[in-house]
């Protein structure tokens, strides 16, 4: 898991493959998973209380949020390094 206290991406994305899987859920189930994802992203709530059977789809979305967050942090670090290099000239 990424260190969210340091820096975090300004949002998250649902990719097509994940979205297709989520569309197989009922409207209520989809709402629960999306709400849990939003709470995870904004409030860092790691263990939401979900209806049985919704933990798996949530874990898929959570994994994407974490991976994208790690990429964002690396990009920010690289941008900072590039700025430092350009200021050295």
N, C-alpha and C. Protein backbone atom coordinates (compact mmCIF):
# COMPACT_ATOMS: atom_id res chain seq x y z
N UNK A 1 0.83 -1.18 0.00
CA UNK A 1 0.00 0.00 0.00
C UNK A 1 0.88 1.25 0.00
N UNK A 2 0.43 2.28 -0.69
CA UNK A 2 1.21 3.51 -0.80
C UNK A 2 1.06 4.33 0.47
N UNK A 3 2.03 5.20 0.72
CA UNK A 3 1.99 6.09 1.86
C UNK A 3 1.13 7.29 1.48
N UNK A 4 -0.13 7.22 1.82
CA UNK A 4 -1.06 8.25 1.38
C UNK A 4 -0.90 9.56 2.14
N UNK A 5 -0.20 9.53 3.27
CA UNK A 5 -0.01 10.75 4.03
C UNK A 5 0.96 11.69 3.32
N UNK A 6 1.83 11.14 2.48
CA UNK A 6 2.84 11.94 1.82
C UNK A 6 2.24 12.72 0.65
N UNK A 7 1.65 12.06 -0.29
CA UNK A 7 1.07 12.69 -1.47
C UNK A 7 0.12 11.70 -2.11
N UNK A 8 -0.94 12.20 -2.66
CA UNK A 8 -1.86 11.29 -3.33
C UNK A 8 -2.39 11.92 -4.60
N UNK A 9 -2.77 11.05 -5.52
CA UNK A 9 -3.31 11.50 -6.80
C UNK A 9 -4.62 12.26 -6.56
N UNK A 10 -4.94 13.20 -7.43
CA UNK A 10 -6.13 14.01 -7.23
C UNK A 10 -7.44 13.29 -7.56
N UNK A 11 -7.38 12.07 -8.00
CA UNK A 11 -8.59 11.33 -8.34
C UNK A 11 -8.27 9.89 -8.63
N UNK A 12 -9.28 9.15 -9.09
CA UNK A 12 -9.03 7.78 -9.53
C UNK A 12 -9.89 7.49 -10.74
N UNK A 13 -9.47 6.47 -11.48
CA UNK A 13 -10.11 6.13 -12.73
C UNK A 13 -10.62 4.70 -12.68
N UNK A 14 -11.79 4.48 -13.27
CA UNK A 14 -12.28 3.12 -13.46
C UNK A 14 -11.98 2.74 -14.91
N UNK A 15 -11.14 1.74 -15.08
CA UNK A 15 -10.75 1.31 -16.41
C UNK A 15 -11.86 0.45 -17.02
N UNK A 16 -11.85 0.33 -18.34
CA UNK A 16 -12.91 -0.38 -19.05
C UNK A 16 -13.08 -1.81 -18.57
N UNK A 17 -11.99 -2.55 -18.37
CA UNK A 17 -12.13 -3.94 -17.95
C UNK A 17 -12.77 -4.05 -16.57
N UNK A 18 -12.39 -3.16 -15.67
CA UNK A 18 -13.00 -3.15 -14.34
C UNK A 18 -14.45 -2.71 -14.42
N UNK A 19 -14.72 -1.71 -15.24
CA UNK A 19 -16.09 -1.23 -15.38
C UNK A 19 -17.02 -2.31 -15.92
N UNK A 20 -16.53 -3.07 -16.88
CA UNK A 20 -17.35 -4.17 -17.42
C UNK A 20 -17.70 -5.17 -16.33
N UNK A 21 -16.73 -5.50 -15.50
CA UNK A 21 -16.98 -6.44 -14.41
C UNK A 21 -17.97 -5.84 -13.40
N UNK A 22 -17.82 -4.57 -13.08
CA UNK A 22 -18.71 -3.93 -12.12
C UNK A 22 -20.14 -3.85 -12.63
N UNK A 23 -20.32 -3.75 -13.94
CA UNK A 23 -21.67 -3.67 -14.49
C UNK A 23 -22.46 -4.95 -14.28
N UNK A 24 -21.78 -6.04 -13.93
CA UNK A 24 -22.50 -7.28 -13.65
C UNK A 24 -23.14 -7.27 -12.27
N UNK A 25 -22.80 -6.28 -11.44
CA UNK A 25 -23.39 -6.16 -10.12
C UNK A 25 -24.77 -5.53 -10.20
N UNK A 26 -25.57 -5.75 -9.17
CA UNK A 26 -26.86 -5.06 -9.08
C UNK A 26 -26.59 -3.58 -8.86
N UNK A 27 -27.59 -2.75 -9.07
CA UNK A 27 -27.43 -1.31 -8.84
C UNK A 27 -27.00 -1.04 -7.40
N UNK A 28 -27.59 -1.77 -6.46
CA UNK A 28 -27.25 -1.59 -5.05
C UNK A 28 -25.81 -2.01 -4.78
N UNK A 29 -25.41 -3.15 -5.34
CA UNK A 29 -24.04 -3.63 -5.16
C UNK A 29 -23.02 -2.69 -5.78
N UNK A 30 -23.34 -2.22 -6.98
CA UNK A 30 -22.45 -1.27 -7.66
C UNK A 30 -22.30 -0.01 -6.83
N UNK A 31 -23.41 0.47 -6.31
CA UNK A 31 -23.37 1.66 -5.46
C UNK A 31 -22.50 1.46 -4.22
N UNK A 32 -22.61 0.29 -3.61
CA UNK A 32 -21.80 -0.01 -2.43
C UNK A 32 -20.31 -0.01 -2.76
N UNK A 33 -19.97 -0.66 -3.86
CA UNK A 33 -18.56 -0.75 -4.24
C UNK A 33 -18.00 0.63 -4.60
N UNK A 34 -18.75 1.40 -5.36
CA UNK A 34 -18.28 2.74 -5.74
C UNK A 34 -18.16 3.62 -4.51
N UNK A 35 -19.13 3.56 -3.61
CA UNK A 35 -19.07 4.36 -2.39
C UNK A 35 -17.85 3.95 -1.55
N UNK A 36 -17.60 2.65 -1.45
CA UNK A 36 -16.44 2.17 -0.71
C UNK A 36 -15.14 2.65 -1.36
N UNK A 37 -15.09 2.66 -2.68
CA UNK A 37 -13.90 3.13 -3.40
C UNK A 37 -13.67 4.62 -3.14
N UNK A 38 -14.74 5.39 -3.17
CA UNK A 38 -14.61 6.83 -2.91
C UNK A 38 -14.14 7.07 -1.48
N UNK A 39 -14.73 6.35 -0.53
CA UNK A 39 -14.29 6.49 0.86
C UNK A 39 -12.84 6.06 1.03
N UNK A 40 -12.45 5.00 0.33
CA UNK A 40 -11.06 4.55 0.40
C UNK A 40 -10.13 5.63 -0.13
N UNK A 41 -10.49 6.22 -1.25
CA UNK A 41 -9.64 7.24 -1.89
C UNK A 41 -9.59 8.53 -1.07
N UNK A 42 -10.73 9.00 -0.61
CA UNK A 42 -10.78 10.29 0.08
C UNK A 42 -10.47 10.20 1.56
N UNK A 43 -10.94 9.16 2.20
CA UNK A 43 -10.82 9.06 3.66
C UNK A 43 -9.82 8.01 4.09
N UNK A 44 -9.22 7.30 3.14
CA UNK A 44 -8.24 6.24 3.42
C UNK A 44 -8.85 5.14 4.27
N UNK A 45 -10.15 4.90 4.10
CA UNK A 45 -10.85 3.84 4.83
C UNK A 45 -10.50 2.50 4.20
N UNK A 46 -9.64 1.75 4.86
CA UNK A 46 -9.08 0.52 4.30
C UNK A 46 -10.02 -0.68 4.36
N UNK A 47 -10.90 -0.71 5.32
CA UNK A 47 -11.74 -1.89 5.51
C UNK A 47 -13.22 -1.51 5.57
N UNK A 48 -13.81 -1.26 4.42
CA UNK A 48 -15.24 -0.91 4.42
C UNK A 48 -16.09 -2.12 4.78
N UNK A 49 -17.27 -1.84 5.30
CA UNK A 49 -18.24 -2.90 5.58
C UNK A 49 -19.10 -3.06 4.33
N UNK A 50 -18.92 -4.18 3.65
CA UNK A 50 -19.64 -4.43 2.40
C UNK A 50 -20.55 -5.64 2.55
N UNK A 51 -21.61 -5.64 1.78
CA UNK A 51 -22.49 -6.80 1.70
C UNK A 51 -21.69 -7.99 1.18
N UNK A 52 -22.06 -9.16 1.61
CA UNK A 52 -21.37 -10.38 1.18
C UNK A 52 -21.27 -10.44 -0.34
N UNK A 53 -20.10 -10.80 -0.82
CA UNK A 53 -19.87 -10.94 -2.25
C UNK A 53 -19.34 -9.70 -2.93
N UNK A 54 -19.28 -8.58 -2.21
CA UNK A 54 -18.81 -7.34 -2.82
C UNK A 54 -17.37 -7.02 -2.47
N UNK A 55 -16.77 -7.80 -1.59
CA UNK A 55 -15.38 -7.56 -1.21
C UNK A 55 -14.44 -7.75 -2.42
N UNK A 56 -14.69 -8.78 -3.22
CA UNK A 56 -13.83 -9.05 -4.38
C UNK A 56 -13.83 -7.89 -5.38
N UNK A 57 -15.01 -7.42 -5.82
CA UNK A 57 -14.97 -6.28 -6.77
C UNK A 57 -14.33 -5.04 -6.15
N UNK A 58 -14.54 -4.82 -4.85
CA UNK A 58 -13.90 -3.68 -4.20
C UNK A 58 -12.39 -3.82 -4.23
N UNK A 59 -11.87 -5.02 -3.98
CA UNK A 59 -10.42 -5.24 -3.98
C UNK A 59 -9.82 -4.95 -5.35
N UNK A 60 -10.56 -5.25 -6.41
CA UNK A 60 -10.09 -4.94 -7.76
C UNK A 60 -9.94 -3.43 -7.94
N UNK A 61 -10.96 -2.69 -7.53
CA UNK A 61 -10.92 -1.23 -7.66
C UNK A 61 -9.83 -0.65 -6.75
N UNK A 62 -9.74 -1.15 -5.54
CA UNK A 62 -8.73 -0.69 -4.58
C UNK A 62 -7.32 -0.90 -5.14
N UNK A 63 -7.09 -2.06 -5.75
CA UNK A 63 -5.78 -2.33 -6.35
C UNK A 63 -5.43 -1.33 -7.43
N UNK A 64 -6.41 -0.97 -8.26
CA UNK A 64 -6.18 0.01 -9.32
C UNK A 64 -5.88 1.38 -8.72
N UNK A 65 -6.61 1.76 -7.66
CA UNK A 65 -6.36 3.04 -7.00
C UNK A 65 -4.94 3.08 -6.46
N UNK A 66 -4.53 2.00 -5.81
CA UNK A 66 -3.17 1.95 -5.25
C UNK A 66 -2.10 1.99 -6.34
N UNK A 67 -2.28 1.21 -7.40
CA UNK A 67 -1.29 1.20 -8.48
C UNK A 67 -1.18 2.57 -9.13
N UNK A 68 -2.32 3.18 -9.41
CA UNK A 68 -2.30 4.51 -10.03
C UNK A 68 -1.68 5.54 -9.09
N UNK A 69 -1.95 5.40 -7.79
CA UNK A 69 -1.35 6.31 -6.81
C UNK A 69 0.15 6.20 -6.77
N UNK A 70 0.65 4.97 -6.84
CA UNK A 70 2.10 4.76 -6.87
C UNK A 70 2.72 5.36 -8.13
N UNK A 71 2.05 5.18 -9.26
CA UNK A 71 2.54 5.78 -10.51
C UNK A 71 2.57 7.31 -10.40
N UNK A 72 1.54 7.88 -9.80
CA UNK A 72 1.44 9.32 -9.64
C UNK A 72 2.60 9.85 -8.78
N UNK A 73 2.86 9.16 -7.67
CA UNK A 73 3.94 9.58 -6.79
C UNK A 73 5.28 9.51 -7.53
N UNK A 74 5.51 8.42 -8.27
CA UNK A 74 6.76 8.29 -9.03
C UNK A 74 6.88 9.40 -10.06
N UNK A 75 5.77 9.71 -10.72
CA UNK A 75 5.79 10.80 -11.72
C UNK A 75 6.12 12.12 -11.05
N UNK A 76 5.54 12.40 -9.89
CA UNK A 76 5.83 13.64 -9.17
C UNK A 76 7.30 13.71 -8.76
N UNK A 77 7.82 12.58 -8.29
CA UNK A 77 9.24 12.54 -7.91
C UNK A 77 10.13 12.78 -9.13
N UNK A 78 9.79 12.17 -10.26
CA UNK A 78 10.58 12.37 -11.48
C UNK A 78 10.50 13.81 -11.95
N UNK A 79 9.31 14.41 -11.88
CA UNK A 79 9.16 15.81 -12.27
C UNK A 79 10.00 16.72 -11.37
N UNK A 80 10.00 16.43 -10.06
CA UNK A 80 10.80 17.23 -9.14
C UNK A 80 12.29 17.08 -9.46
N UNK A 81 12.73 15.87 -9.77
CA UNK A 81 14.13 15.65 -10.13
C UNK A 81 14.48 16.40 -11.41
N UNK A 82 13.57 16.38 -12.37
CA UNK A 82 13.81 17.10 -13.63
C UNK A 82 13.89 18.60 -13.40
N UNK A 83 13.02 19.13 -12.52
CA UNK A 83 13.09 20.56 -12.21
C UNK A 83 14.40 20.90 -11.54
N UNK A 84 14.85 20.05 -10.65
CA UNK A 84 16.12 20.30 -9.95
C UNK A 84 17.28 20.30 -10.95
N UNK A 85 17.25 19.38 -11.90
CA UNK A 85 18.31 19.34 -12.93
C UNK A 85 18.30 20.60 -13.76
N UNK A 86 17.12 21.07 -14.14
CA UNK A 86 17.04 22.25 -15.00
C UNK A 86 17.45 23.52 -14.24
N UNK A 87 17.27 23.53 -12.93
CA UNK A 87 17.69 24.69 -12.12
C UNK A 87 19.19 24.70 -11.89
N UNK A 88 19.83 23.54 -12.06
CA UNK A 88 21.28 23.46 -11.87
C UNK A 88 22.05 24.06 -13.04
N UNK A 89 21.40 24.23 -14.17
CA UNK A 89 22.09 24.72 -15.36
C UNK A 89 22.28 26.20 -15.35
